[in-house]
Structures are given as structure tokens and as C-alpha cells.
């Protein structure tokens, strides 16, 4: 039977769930608070510069192929993907660089430059990562609604040593500290600490090696625009500038939503792409919540936040030193991550991700200019940092560092700039405690232990996105949409 389904939010999770459910014959509407789709993958446009705000590393392109096939289309007719070569340029604190490539021979040559003995260790690393991928990726689109679902996979998780951290897993095979960092940093892309996140995330390197790291021509925003077009092409409706104020509850079922302007929109099912903690805490009256009480939400461990500076310059920095994806490691690694995740303090040093799409996509900036952002992991709002005072200080330290070591005369060439801090994530993106990736990816907060795709409170409320199973990152978020599609079923 056809259901009327309301999707709250139009990020990767909301759009992909809406597409899948509409393709199954349901009547689907998306309600989005912003003036265009995207959620955290919003696009900023200013004075001829364009900035991707969401995920910029696209892996597992076959998941987009599957999404489009569900709707009877080909993604290649909607957007264009190119493979990065190399995937990332990784810098030590001293400025030495390591080109992280998908070509095994090139990658081993890079490893050999740092520590020849680690070449053999890397071969054992990748051999052992395959069974982790085989098991971990197979769980990407499987729901964990019952504890018995967890018990079924527990023997495999123990066998694969999922109880050790990503860094500890890499350290079993690799001796050089920087090489260990280079093959364990991936949890940071989904809000996790490599010294705490489960070794299951070692499979990310295997995914990248098998299917590559890609970017969309026109940026991640081009993928969001393509998904929105696909959704409307198959009959879906998107309501923009339409923030949801409340999810209506009748008995132990949800009954629709109330918008910020007071309008009520009733539905058979609600799918929330909003932050799970925000959904329960802000959109559902506490009197209706038995499981996800405010106390439970407060006890959950949340990911770090981000400090991001979007910059447009009136000169180029295309001398070959910086690529599209650049990661600059602090001299400290474990200590810095401990400051962010455990001590909840803003350190004087930082590690940076510098994303410069205009280096190979001129559509991001006016001629002769550069468009990029620089991102630093920082504590979420539980740290109590006064960002109204710290934001400018922290910004200046990062810009000075880049100017001294990577981008000469940066300060005097900036013509467009926007700063985003944890307060922004909480206020503008409804991220609970400003946690940019929702629930922290710990083994004790994974699978059944993570907020479920089908609400434990209301059987017709579902969740997609970073805060539910399987977790943050584009593959995980797309996987959550497949789970919800299968749970709801066809019309």
C-alpha cells in the first residue's frame, strides 16, 4: 500500500532515502529549512567564489550507481565523477610530503621514502584489511534493531580484532610513526579519534584502493543538485525554506510534522535526516519519549566539532605543492587528539585538512583566483569554549601558519572569507552540542549500540544520516537510506 512519507532534511541521507522510497511507489515530500538542498553539504556562493561545505572525499561510486538504478536512471546522465591522482597529499609537521595514491607501486615508493622496512608491513596491512572490508562493508546496509543482530556478528568482530583502535591496528604492521598516521587517519573524516575508533575503519583504505577517491565536476554540490533533480524527476516534492518545528505524536505513532510557520503536514511515516539527538531533543515533546530521554542523550559521546575557514584569494597557489586534498599533521598526534576528544581543550597546535578544488576545477573561482577551505578538528560545545572570543584568535593562528609554510602572502590576498565554528554547527545545522559528525564512532556506539534506523520509540519514525547506523561519511549515510528503504518496503 502506498504511504505518504515526509522526510525531514535534504542532506545525502534525506535525498537518497527520498529517492529510494519514491522509486518504490510511495508519495514522498522533503521539508528543508534552508534555501536549497544539501544539509551539511550546503554550497556557499559569494562574489564568484564557490565553497563546498559538506563531504568532499567521494569513495564507493558504485553506491551512486545503485541509487540511480533504483530509480531506473544512470548517474552519469546527471553528474560527472573524476578520480583524484594522487588521492591526498599528506604533510608532516616539518613539511615533508607523502602522496597517498591508489597505485600500489607508487604508494609503496612513497612508503619506501619514509621507511623501507614498512613496505613489507604495508603489504601485510592491506592483506589483513580485506577480511575487515568483507565483513564491515556487508553490514553497511543491514539494520541492527535487535540485540540478537549484534550477537550474530560478535564472533566475526572478535576474530577481526574490532576491539582495538584503528591506530593500534596500523601499528601492528607499520613501524614509522608518520606511516602509522597516514594509514590510520580516516576515522577523523567521520568524527572519530584514530586512537579510540574501532579497527573496522581500517577497511576505508581498502575501499579507496579498490574503487578510488573521486570528486564531482562542480563539487559535491553538483551531486546534491543531481540527487534533488532525480528525486523531482521521479515525482518527489521538495519544500525549501520550510523548517520543521515539531514531529507530531499520537499515541505511540508519529503523525506528521508542524512547520515553523504553524502549518501542520500529516503523514503515515516520518524519516528524519536531522541529527538524531536534535530530533529527539528538539522536535519531540519529552512526555512522548521513554527511551531517548534528555539524560540518555546527554550521556552519549559525541564527535568532535570543526573550525573551518572558507577563503577566496585574488592570486593562485597552483605551483604544484598543494593538491585538491591536503592534510597537514601536527608534530603532536596522540596528544593533540587527546586534547580534542578527552581533555576537551583548545590546543595551541593543530592538524589541518586543506581542500583546494579550484586547483583543477576552475568553476570554483574567478579567473586568476583560488577557492579553498582549511579545516581543523576542535572540541564540541561540551568543552565550554567561548568561540565569540576564541574564533578570531584561532583563525589568525591558522592563517599565519599557512602563510609562513605553504601560501606566501596569504593575508593580503584574501578577498572573500567566512569562518564556521562549533556554534555554527549547533545553530545553523542543528548539530547537537555542535558535534559535526553526530555520535562518536566507537565500538560501544556502533551497530545495535548506535541510534537505530527505526525508532525504538515510534515504529513509523525512521532515521538516516550520520547519527544512526552505520554512521557518518557518504557511504555510511547512503547505506542508512538503503536500510530505511528495506524496512519500509515497497508500496
Protein backbone atom coordinates (compact mmCIF):
# COMPACT_ATOMS: atom_id res chain seq x y z
CA UNK A 1 0.00 0.00 0.00
CA UNK A 2 1.27 3.45 -0.91
CA UNK A 3 2.35 5.53 2.09
CA UNK A 4 2.62 9.28 2.43
CA UNK A 5 6.15 9.85 3.72
CA UNK A 6 7.65 13.10 4.99
CA UNK A 7 11.44 13.38 5.01
CA UNK A 8 12.92 16.00 7.34
CA UNK A 9 16.09 17.41 5.79
CA UNK A 10 17.75 17.11 2.40
CA UNK A 11 21.31 16.02 3.08
CA UNK A 12 22.79 12.95 1.40
CA UNK A 13 20.75 10.74 3.73
CA UNK A 14 17.44 12.51 3.24
CA UNK A 15 17.75 12.77 -0.52
CA UNK A 16 18.86 9.19 -1.04
CA UNK A 17 16.09 7.85 1.23
CA UNK A 18 13.52 10.01 -0.55
CA UNK A 19 14.68 8.77 -3.96
CA UNK A 20 14.55 5.13 -2.90
CA UNK A 21 11.12 5.44 -1.30
CA UNK A 22 9.63 7.39 -4.21
CA UNK A 23 11.06 4.80 -6.62
CA UNK A 24 9.20 2.16 -4.59
CA UNK A 25 5.92 3.91 -5.30
CA UNK A 26 5.39 5.98 -2.16
CA UNK A 27 4.32 9.64 -2.08
CA UNK A 28 7.34 11.41 -0.67
CA UNK A 29 7.88 15.04 0.35
CA UNK A 30 11.06 16.61 1.71
CA UNK A 31 10.94 19.57 4.09
CA UNK A 32 14.22 21.51 4.19
CA UNK A 33 14.92 24.51 6.43
CA UNK A 34 17.49 26.11 4.08
CA UNK A 35 17.01 27.87 0.76
CA UNK A 36 18.49 24.95 -1.20
CA UNK A 37 19.06 21.23 -0.67
CA UNK A 38 22.18 19.77 0.89
CA UNK A 39 22.02 19.90 4.67
CA UNK A 40 25.63 19.83 5.83
CA UNK A 41 26.55 19.57 2.13
CA UNK A 42 25.36 23.14 1.57
CA UNK A 43 27.16 25.28 -1.01
CA UNK A 44 28.26 28.85 -0.28
CA UNK A 45 28.46 31.21 -3.27
CA UNK A 46 29.97 34.64 -2.88
CA UNK A 47 31.44 37.15 -5.36
CA UNK A 48 32.16 34.48 -7.97
CA UNK A 49 33.67 32.03 -5.47
CA UNK A 50 32.02 28.74 -4.58
CA UNK A 51 32.68 26.62 -1.49
CA UNK A 52 31.56 23.06 -0.71
CA UNK A 53 30.53 22.84 2.94
CA UNK A 54 29.91 19.10 3.12
CA UNK A 55 31.88 15.94 2.38
CA UNK A 56 34.50 16.39 -0.30
CA UNK A 57 36.01 12.88 -0.46
CA UNK A 58 33.82 10.63 -2.62
CA UNK A 59 34.51 6.90 -2.37
CA UNK A 60 32.50 3.82 -3.43
CA UNK A 61 30.96 5.41 -6.56
CA UNK A 62 29.08 2.15 -7.19
CA UNK A 63 26.73 3.22 -4.38
CA UNK A 64 25.59 6.18 -6.52
CA UNK A 65 25.22 3.82 -9.46
CA UNK A 66 22.95 1.60 -7.35
CA UNK A 67 20.91 4.59 -6.15
CA UNK A 68 20.27 5.81 -9.68
CA UNK A 69 19.48 2.29 -10.90
CA UNK A 70 16.80 2.06 -8.21
CA UNK A 71 15.11 4.95 -10.00
CA UNK A 72 15.74 3.46 -13.45
CA UNK A 73 18.39 6.04 -14.37
CA UNK A 74 22.17 6.41 -14.76
CA UNK A 75 24.06 8.81 -12.53
CA UNK A 76 26.39 9.65 -15.43
CA UNK A 77 23.46 11.47 -17.06
CA UNK A 78 23.23 13.76 -14.01
CA UNK A 79 26.79 14.45 -12.84
CA UNK A 80 30.38 13.58 -13.65
CA UNK A 81 32.95 11.94 -11.39
CA UNK A 82 36.73 12.12 -11.82
CA UNK A 83 39.30 10.12 -9.87
CA UNK A 84 41.91 12.03 -7.87
CA UNK A 85 45.54 11.21 -8.57
CA UNK A 86 47.02 11.04 -6.02
CA UNK A 87 44.14 10.80 -3.57
CA UNK A 88 45.70 13.03 -0.90
CA UNK A 89 48.94 14.83 -0.27
CA UNK A 90 49.91 14.30 3.36
CA UNK A 91 52.38 16.66 5.04
CA UNK A 92 54.42 16.09 8.16
CA UNK A 93 54.83 19.00 10.56
CA UNK A 94 58.26 19.61 9.03
CA UNK A 95 56.77 19.90 5.52
CA UNK A 96 57.80 16.53 4.05
CA UNK A 97 55.02 15.20 1.89
CA UNK A 98 53.61 11.77 1.15
CA UNK A 99 51.45 11.24 -1.92
CA UNK A 100 48.72 8.79 -0.91
CA UNK A 101 47.94 7.06 -4.18
CA UNK A 102 45.71 4.28 -5.42
CA UNK A 103 48.54 2.85 -7.49
CA UNK A 104 50.22 0.13 -5.35
CA UNK A 105 53.68 0.64 -6.87
CA UNK A 106 53.54 4.41 -6.41
CA UNK A 107 52.23 4.03 -2.87
CA UNK A 108 54.99 1.61 -1.91
CA UNK A 109 57.56 4.01 -3.38
CA UNK A 110 56.20 6.73 -1.10
CA UNK A 111 56.39 4.39 1.91
CA UNK A 112 59.95 3.45 0.98
CA UNK A 113 60.97 7.13 1.12
CA UNK A 114 59.93 7.26 4.79
CA UNK A 115 60.89 3.78 5.96
CA UNK A 116 61.88 0.95 3.56
CA UNK A 117 61.06 -1.69 6.17
CA UNK A 118 57.42 -0.59 6.20
CA UNK A 119 56.85 -1.68 2.59
CA UNK A 120 56.51 -5.30 3.65
CA UNK A 121 54.47 -4.23 6.64
CA UNK A 122 52.10 -2.35 4.35
CA UNK A 123 51.60 -5.47 2.23
CA UNK A 124 50.53 -7.36 5.33
CA UNK A 125 48.35 -4.41 6.35
CA UNK A 126 46.37 -4.44 3.11
CA UNK A 127 46.12 -8.25 3.05
CA UNK A 128 44.62 -8.23 6.53
CA UNK A 129 42.34 -5.28 5.69
CA UNK A 130 40.44 -7.31 3.08
CA UNK A 131 38.55 -9.57 5.53
CA UNK A 132 37.74 -6.46 7.58
CA UNK A 133 36.24 -4.92 4.44
CA UNK A 134 34.39 -8.12 3.53
CA UNK A 135 32.65 -8.19 6.90
CA UNK A 136 32.38 -4.47 7.62
CA UNK A 137 31.03 -3.38 4.24
CA UNK A 138 28.50 -6.20 4.27
CA UNK A 139 26.97 -4.62 7.40
CA UNK A 140 26.62 -1.21 5.76
CA UNK A 141 23.03 -1.77 4.64
CA UNK A 142 21.90 -4.17 7.38
CA UNK A 143 19.73 -2.91 10.25
CA UNK A 144 20.63 -3.65 13.86
CA UNK A 145 17.23 -3.36 15.54
CA UNK A 146 17.59 -6.29 17.97
CA UNK A 147 20.41 -7.24 20.31
CA UNK A 148 20.45 -10.66 18.68
CA UNK A 149 21.51 -8.92 15.45
CA UNK A 150 24.62 -7.81 17.32
CA UNK A 151 25.23 -11.23 18.80
CA UNK A 152 25.25 -12.77 15.31
CA UNK A 153 28.22 -10.67 14.19
CA UNK A 154 30.08 -10.60 17.52
CA UNK A 155 32.28 -13.66 16.74
CA UNK A 156 33.44 -12.06 13.47
CA UNK A 157 34.16 -8.75 15.19
CA UNK A 158 36.26 -10.52 17.83
CA UNK A 159 38.11 -12.53 15.19
CA UNK A 160 38.88 -9.33 13.28
CA UNK A 161 40.05 -7.58 16.48
CA UNK A 162 37.41 -4.86 16.14
CA UNK A 163 38.05 -4.11 19.81
CA UNK A 164 41.43 -2.49 19.05
CA UNK A 165 41.74 1.02 17.62
CA UNK A 166 42.43 1.98 14.03
CA UNK A 167 45.85 3.31 15.02
CA UNK A 168 46.68 0.16 17.00
CA UNK A 169 45.68 -1.93 14.01
CA UNK A 170 48.07 0.01 11.73
CA UNK A 171 50.82 -0.16 14.35
CA UNK A 172 50.75 -3.98 14.20
CA UNK A 173 52.26 -3.79 10.72
CA UNK A 174 53.92 -0.37 10.39
CA UNK A 175 56.86 1.00 12.40
CA UNK A 176 57.36 4.61 11.28
CA UNK A 177 55.12 6.93 13.29
CA UNK A 178 54.14 9.04 10.30
CA UNK A 179 53.36 5.98 8.18
CA UNK A 180 51.14 4.78 11.01
CA UNK A 181 49.37 8.15 10.95
CA UNK A 182 48.98 8.03 7.16
CA UNK A 183 47.14 4.70 7.36
CA UNK A 184 45.02 5.44 10.43
CA UNK A 185 43.70 8.99 9.99
CA UNK A 186 40.45 8.01 8.25
CA UNK A 187 38.25 8.00 11.39
CA UNK A 188 38.82 11.76 11.57
CA UNK A 189 36.82 12.09 8.33
CA UNK A 190 33.78 10.72 10.19
CA UNK A 191 34.28 12.37 13.55
CA UNK A 192 36.36 9.71 15.31
CA UNK A 193 39.68 9.57 17.13
CA UNK A 194 42.03 7.04 15.45
CA UNK A 195 43.21 6.02 18.93
CA UNK A 196 39.64 5.20 20.02
CA UNK A 197 37.69 4.30 16.87
CA UNK A 198 37.33 0.60 16.10
CA UNK A 199 39.80 -1.04 13.73
CA UNK A 200 36.84 -1.79 11.41
CA UNK A 201 37.65 1.61 9.88
CA UNK A 202 40.87 0.14 8.51
CA UNK A 203 38.60 -1.04 5.69
CA UNK A 204 38.40 2.56 4.39
CA UNK A 205 41.89 2.28 2.90
CA UNK A 206 40.86 -0.95 1.18
CA UNK A 207 37.75 0.77 -0.25
CA UNK A 208 39.87 3.65 -1.54
CA UNK A 209 42.43 1.31 -3.08
CA UNK A 210 39.75 -0.79 -4.81
CA UNK A 211 37.41 1.96 -6.06
CA UNK A 212 39.41 5.16 -5.80
CA UNK A 213 38.84 8.61 -4.34
CA UNK A 214 36.74 10.81 -6.60
CA UNK A 215 35.37 14.30 -6.95
CA UNK A 216 32.41 15.60 -8.88
CA UNK A 217 32.92 18.22 -11.56
CA UNK A 218 31.41 21.32 -9.98
CA UNK A 219 31.99 19.94 -6.49
CA UNK A 220 29.95 17.94 -4.01
CA UNK A 221 27.16 20.45 -4.50
CA UNK A 222 26.81 19.12 -8.05
CA UNK A 223 25.97 15.68 -6.61
CA UNK A 224 23.37 17.19 -4.27
CA UNK A 225 21.80 19.11 -7.17
CA UNK A 226 21.76 15.91 -9.23
CA UNK A 227 20.09 13.97 -6.41
CA UNK A 228 17.46 16.68 -5.96
CA UNK A 229 16.75 16.65 -9.71
CA UNK A 230 16.48 12.86 -9.76
CA UNK A 231 14.02 13.00 -6.87
CA UNK A 232 11.78 15.53 -8.59
CA UNK A 233 12.15 13.72 -11.93
CA UNK A 234 10.51 10.64 -10.41
CA UNK A 235 7.68 12.60 -8.82
CA UNK A 236 9.02 13.76 -5.45
CA UNK A 237 8.45 17.21 -3.95
CA UNK A 238 10.99 19.38 -2.10
CA UNK A 239 9.81 22.24 0.12
CA UNK A 240 12.61 24.76 0.76
CA UNK A 241 12.67 27.42 3.48
CA UNK A 242 10.37 25.09 5.39
CA UNK A 243 11.90 24.29 8.81
CA UNK A 244 10.18 21.59 10.84
CA UNK A 245 9.38 22.76 14.36
CA UNK A 246 7.82 19.57 15.75
CA UNK A 247 7.21 15.94 14.89
CA UNK A 248 3.61 15.23 15.83
CA UNK A 249 2.88 12.24 18.06
CA UNK A 250 -0.44 10.46 18.52
CA UNK A 251 -0.33 7.54 20.91
CA UNK A 252 2.86 5.63 20.14
CA UNK A 253 2.97 6.72 16.48
CA UNK A 254 4.18 9.84 14.74
CA UNK A 255 1.51 11.56 12.68
CA UNK A 256 3.36 14.17 10.64
CA UNK A 257 5.12 17.46 11.29
CA UNK A 258 4.41 21.01 12.35
CA UNK A 259 6.36 23.65 10.45
CA UNK A 260 7.88 26.77 11.99
CA UNK A 261 5.08 28.87 10.48
CA UNK A 262 2.48 26.75 12.25
CA UNK A 263 1.30 24.69 9.31
CA UNK A 264 0.61 21.02 10.03
CA UNK A 265 1.52 18.36 7.46
CA UNK A 266 0.22 14.91 8.29
CA UNK A 267 1.81 11.70 7.00
CA UNK A 268 1.90 7.94 7.51
CA UNK A 269 5.67 7.87 8.08
CA UNK A 270 8.35 10.38 9.01
CA UNK A 271 12.01 9.89 8.03
CA UNK A 272 14.38 12.24 9.83
CA UNK A 273 17.65 13.24 8.22
CA UNK A 274 18.12 15.75 11.01
CA UNK A 275 20.65 14.97 13.72
CA UNK A 276 19.19 12.09 15.77
CA UNK A 277 19.83 13.75 19.13
CA UNK A 278 18.39 17.03 17.83
CA UNK A 279 15.33 15.19 16.51
CA UNK A 280 14.55 13.63 19.87
CA UNK A 281 15.58 16.62 21.99
CA UNK A 282 14.10 19.45 19.92
CA UNK A 283 11.37 18.03 17.69
CA UNK A 284 9.60 15.55 20.01
CA UNK A 285 7.97 16.58 23.28
CA UNK A 286 9.77 14.94 26.25
CA UNK A 287 6.48 13.49 27.52
CA UNK A 288 6.40 11.20 24.48
CA UNK A 289 9.97 9.90 24.93
CA UNK A 290 10.56 6.83 27.06
CA UNK A 291 13.90 5.55 25.72
CA UNK A 292 15.64 8.66 24.38
CA UNK A 293 15.29 10.85 27.44
CA UNK A 294 17.30 14.04 27.77
CA UNK A 295 19.52 12.21 30.27
CA UNK A 296 20.31 9.44 27.80
CA UNK A 297 21.11 11.97 25.10
CA UNK A 298 23.46 13.81 27.46
CA UNK A 299 25.30 10.57 28.38
CA UNK A 300 26.04 9.71 24.76
CA UNK A 301 29.54 10.52 23.49
CA UNK A 302 29.51 12.87 20.52
CA UNK A 303 32.07 13.51 17.81
CA UNK A 304 34.44 16.42 17.73
CA UNK A 305 33.41 19.60 16.00
CA UNK A 306 35.17 21.56 13.27
CA UNK A 307 36.63 25.00 12.79
CA UNK A 308 36.52 25.92 9.10
CA UNK A 309 37.78 28.97 7.22
CA UNK A 310 36.45 29.42 3.68
CA UNK A 311 38.83 31.60 1.70
CA UNK A 312 38.87 33.17 -1.75
CA UNK A 313 42.13 34.78 -2.88
CA UNK A 314 42.97 37.15 -5.71
CA UNK A 315 46.02 35.08 -6.64
CA UNK A 316 46.65 31.42 -7.44
CA UNK A 317 48.51 28.87 -5.33
CA UNK A 318 48.86 26.35 -8.14
CA UNK A 319 52.62 25.92 -8.11
CA UNK A 320 52.22 22.16 -7.66
CA UNK A 321 52.85 21.98 -3.94
CA UNK A 322 49.19 21.81 -2.93
CA UNK A 323 46.67 19.43 -4.49
CA UNK A 324 42.89 19.14 -4.18
CA UNK A 325 43.09 17.18 -0.89
CA UNK A 326 45.89 18.11 1.55
CA UNK A 327 46.34 17.01 5.15
CA UNK A 328 48.91 18.70 7.38
CA UNK A 329 49.75 16.74 10.53
CA UNK A 330 50.74 18.47 13.74
CA UNK A 331 54.02 17.46 15.37
CA UNK A 332 51.84 16.00 18.12
CA UNK A 333 49.32 13.38 17.07
CA UNK A 334 48.02 11.35 20.00
CA UNK A 335 48.44 14.27 22.40
CA UNK A 336 46.53 16.67 20.15
CA UNK A 337 43.72 14.16 19.63
CA UNK A 338 43.57 13.60 23.39
CA UNK A 339 43.18 17.36 23.89
CA UNK A 340 40.26 17.40 21.43
CA UNK A 341 38.41 14.22 22.42
CA UNK A 342 39.31 13.57 26.07
CA UNK A 343 40.51 16.77 27.73
CA UNK A 344 38.08 18.93 25.75
CA UNK A 345 40.57 21.78 25.41
CA UNK A 346 41.53 24.01 22.52
CA UNK A 347 45.22 23.33 21.90
CA UNK A 348 47.77 25.84 20.64
CA UNK A 349 48.73 23.50 17.78
CA UNK A 350 46.51 21.91 15.16
CA UNK A 351 46.28 19.43 12.32
CA UNK A 352 44.64 20.72 9.15
CA UNK A 353 42.72 19.48 6.13
CA UNK A 354 43.11 21.90 3.24
CA UNK A 355 40.64 21.39 0.39
CA UNK A 356 41.50 23.31 -2.78
CA UNK A 357 39.09 22.32 -5.60
CA UNK A 358 39.97 25.28 -7.80
CA UNK A 359 43.41 23.77 -8.40
CA UNK A 360 41.80 21.50 -11.02
CA UNK A 361 38.22 22.83 -11.35
CA UNK A 362 38.23 26.49 -12.48
CA UNK A 363 34.47 26.82 -11.93
CA UNK A 364 35.11 27.33 -8.20
CA UNK A 365 36.76 30.75 -8.52
CA UNK A 366 37.07 33.73 -10.85
CA UNK A 367 39.96 33.66 -13.30
CA UNK A 368 43.30 34.16 -11.60
CA UNK A 369 41.84 33.38 -8.17
CA UNK A 370 41.78 30.45 -5.78
CA UNK A 371 38.94 28.97 -3.74
CA UNK A 372 39.68 26.70 -0.79
CA UNK A 373 38.87 25.95 2.80
CA UNK A 374 41.03 24.91 5.70
CA UNK A 375 39.54 22.77 8.46
CA UNK A 376 40.77 21.98 11.94
CA UNK A 377 39.20 19.40 14.30
CA UNK A 378 38.24 21.05 17.61
CA UNK A 379 36.26 20.02 20.71
CA UNK A 380 32.46 20.15 20.50
CA UNK A 381 30.41 22.50 22.67
CA UNK A 382 30.59 20.30 25.76
CA UNK A 383 34.06 21.84 26.20
CA UNK A 384 32.53 25.21 27.10
CA UNK A 385 34.92 27.18 24.84
CA UNK A 386 33.79 30.79 24.27
CA UNK A 387 34.02 30.91 20.49
CA UNK A 388 32.96 34.56 20.39
CA UNK A 389 36.39 35.29 21.90
CA UNK A 390 38.46 32.40 20.54
CA UNK A 391 37.32 32.30 16.92
CA UNK A 392 39.41 35.21 15.64
CA UNK A 393 42.48 34.17 17.63
CA UNK A 394 42.30 30.62 16.28
CA UNK A 395 41.67 31.87 12.75
CA UNK A 396 44.73 34.13 12.85
CA UNK A 397 46.95 31.30 14.09
CA UNK A 398 45.88 29.05 11.20
CA UNK A 399 46.21 31.73 8.54
CA UNK A 400 49.65 32.75 9.86
CA UNK A 401 50.76 29.10 9.80
CA UNK A 402 49.63 28.64 6.19
CA UNK A 403 51.22 31.91 5.13
CA UNK A 404 54.55 31.02 6.74
CA UNK A 405 54.80 27.50 5.33
CA UNK A 406 52.50 26.92 2.35
CA UNK A 407 50.81 30.02 0.93
CA UNK A 408 53.02 33.13 0.67
CA UNK A 409 51.33 36.50 1.22
CA UNK A 410 48.04 34.79 2.01
CA UNK A 411 46.68 37.50 4.32
CA UNK A 412 46.95 40.36 1.83
CA UNK A 413 45.44 38.29 -0.98
CA UNK A 414 42.22 37.24 0.79
CA UNK A 415 39.18 38.83 -0.84
CA UNK A 416 36.43 36.52 0.44
CA UNK A 417 36.34 34.84 3.83
CA UNK A 418 33.82 33.05 6.04
CA UNK A 419 34.51 31.41 9.41
CA UNK A 420 32.47 28.48 10.72
CA UNK A 421 32.91 27.27 14.31
CA UNK A 422 31.10 24.77 16.58
CA UNK A 423 28.42 27.35 17.42
CA UNK A 424 27.55 27.47 13.73
CA UNK A 425 27.10 23.70 13.55
CA UNK A 426 24.73 23.84 16.54
CA UNK A 427 22.81 26.93 15.43
CA UNK A 428 22.65 26.60 11.66
CA UNK A 429 22.88 22.84 11.13
CA UNK A 430 21.06 21.64 14.25
CA UNK A 431 24.04 19.53 15.30
CA UNK A 432 23.55 18.52 18.93
CA UNK A 433 26.36 20.10 21.03
CA UNK A 434 27.90 21.31 17.75
CA UNK A 435 29.18 17.78 17.05
CA UNK A 436 29.82 17.89 13.31
CA UNK A 437 29.51 14.10 12.85
CA UNK A 438 26.84 13.32 15.47
CA UNK A 439 27.51 10.24 17.63
CA UNK A 440 31.23 9.43 18.04
CA UNK A 441 32.19 6.24 16.13
CA UNK A 442 33.21 3.97 18.98
CA UNK A 443 32.70 0.22 19.03
CA UNK A 444 30.38 0.69 22.02
CA UNK A 445 28.34 3.16 19.92
CA UNK A 446 28.21 1.12 16.72
CA UNK A 447 25.61 -1.15 15.10
CA UNK A 448 22.95 -2.09 17.72
CA UNK A 449 24.54 0.31 20.24
CA UNK A 450 24.03 3.24 17.84
CA UNK A 451 20.66 5.01 17.47
CA UNK A 452 18.56 2.67 15.35
CA UNK A 453 17.32 3.35 11.82
CA UNK A 454 13.81 2.55 13.03
CA UNK A 455 12.99 4.45 16.19
CA UNK A 456 12.76 2.48 19.41
CA UNK A 457 10.08 4.99 20.46
CA UNK A 458 7.75 5.10 17.44
CA UNK A 459 7.55 2.33 14.84
CA UNK A 460 6.79 4.71 11.95
CA UNK A 461 9.68 7.10 12.65
CA UNK A 462 12.92 6.32 10.82
CA UNK A 463 16.40 7.83 10.76
CA UNK A 464 19.00 8.32 8.05
CA UNK A 465 22.28 10.20 8.14
CA UNK A 466 25.43 10.38 10.23
CA UNK A 467 23.83 9.87 13.65
CA UNK A 468 22.26 6.48 13.01
CA UNK A 469 23.64 3.12 11.83
CA UNK A 470 26.08 2.67 10.11
CA UNK A 471 27.46 6.17 10.72
CA UNK A 472 28.99 9.25 9.13
CA UNK A 473 30.67 9.51 5.73
CA UNK A 474 28.98 9.34 2.35
CA UNK A 475 29.00 5.50 2.08
CA UNK A 476 27.58 5.16 5.58
CA UNK A 477 24.87 7.75 5.02
CA UNK A 478 23.87 6.20 1.68
CA UNK A 479 23.81 2.82 3.42
CA UNK A 480 21.39 4.17 6.05
CA UNK A 481 18.98 5.14 3.25
CA UNK A 482 19.08 1.61 1.83
CA UNK A 483 18.29 0.23 5.29
CA UNK A 484 15.26 2.51 5.65
CA UNK A 485 14.06 1.64 2.14
CA UNK A 486 14.12 -2.06 3.02
CA UNK A 487 12.50 -1.55 6.42
CA UNK A 488 9.58 0.41 4.96
CA UNK A 489 9.23 -1.74 1.85
CA UNK A 490 7.51 -1.06 -1.47
CA UNK A 491 4.06 0.48 -1.93
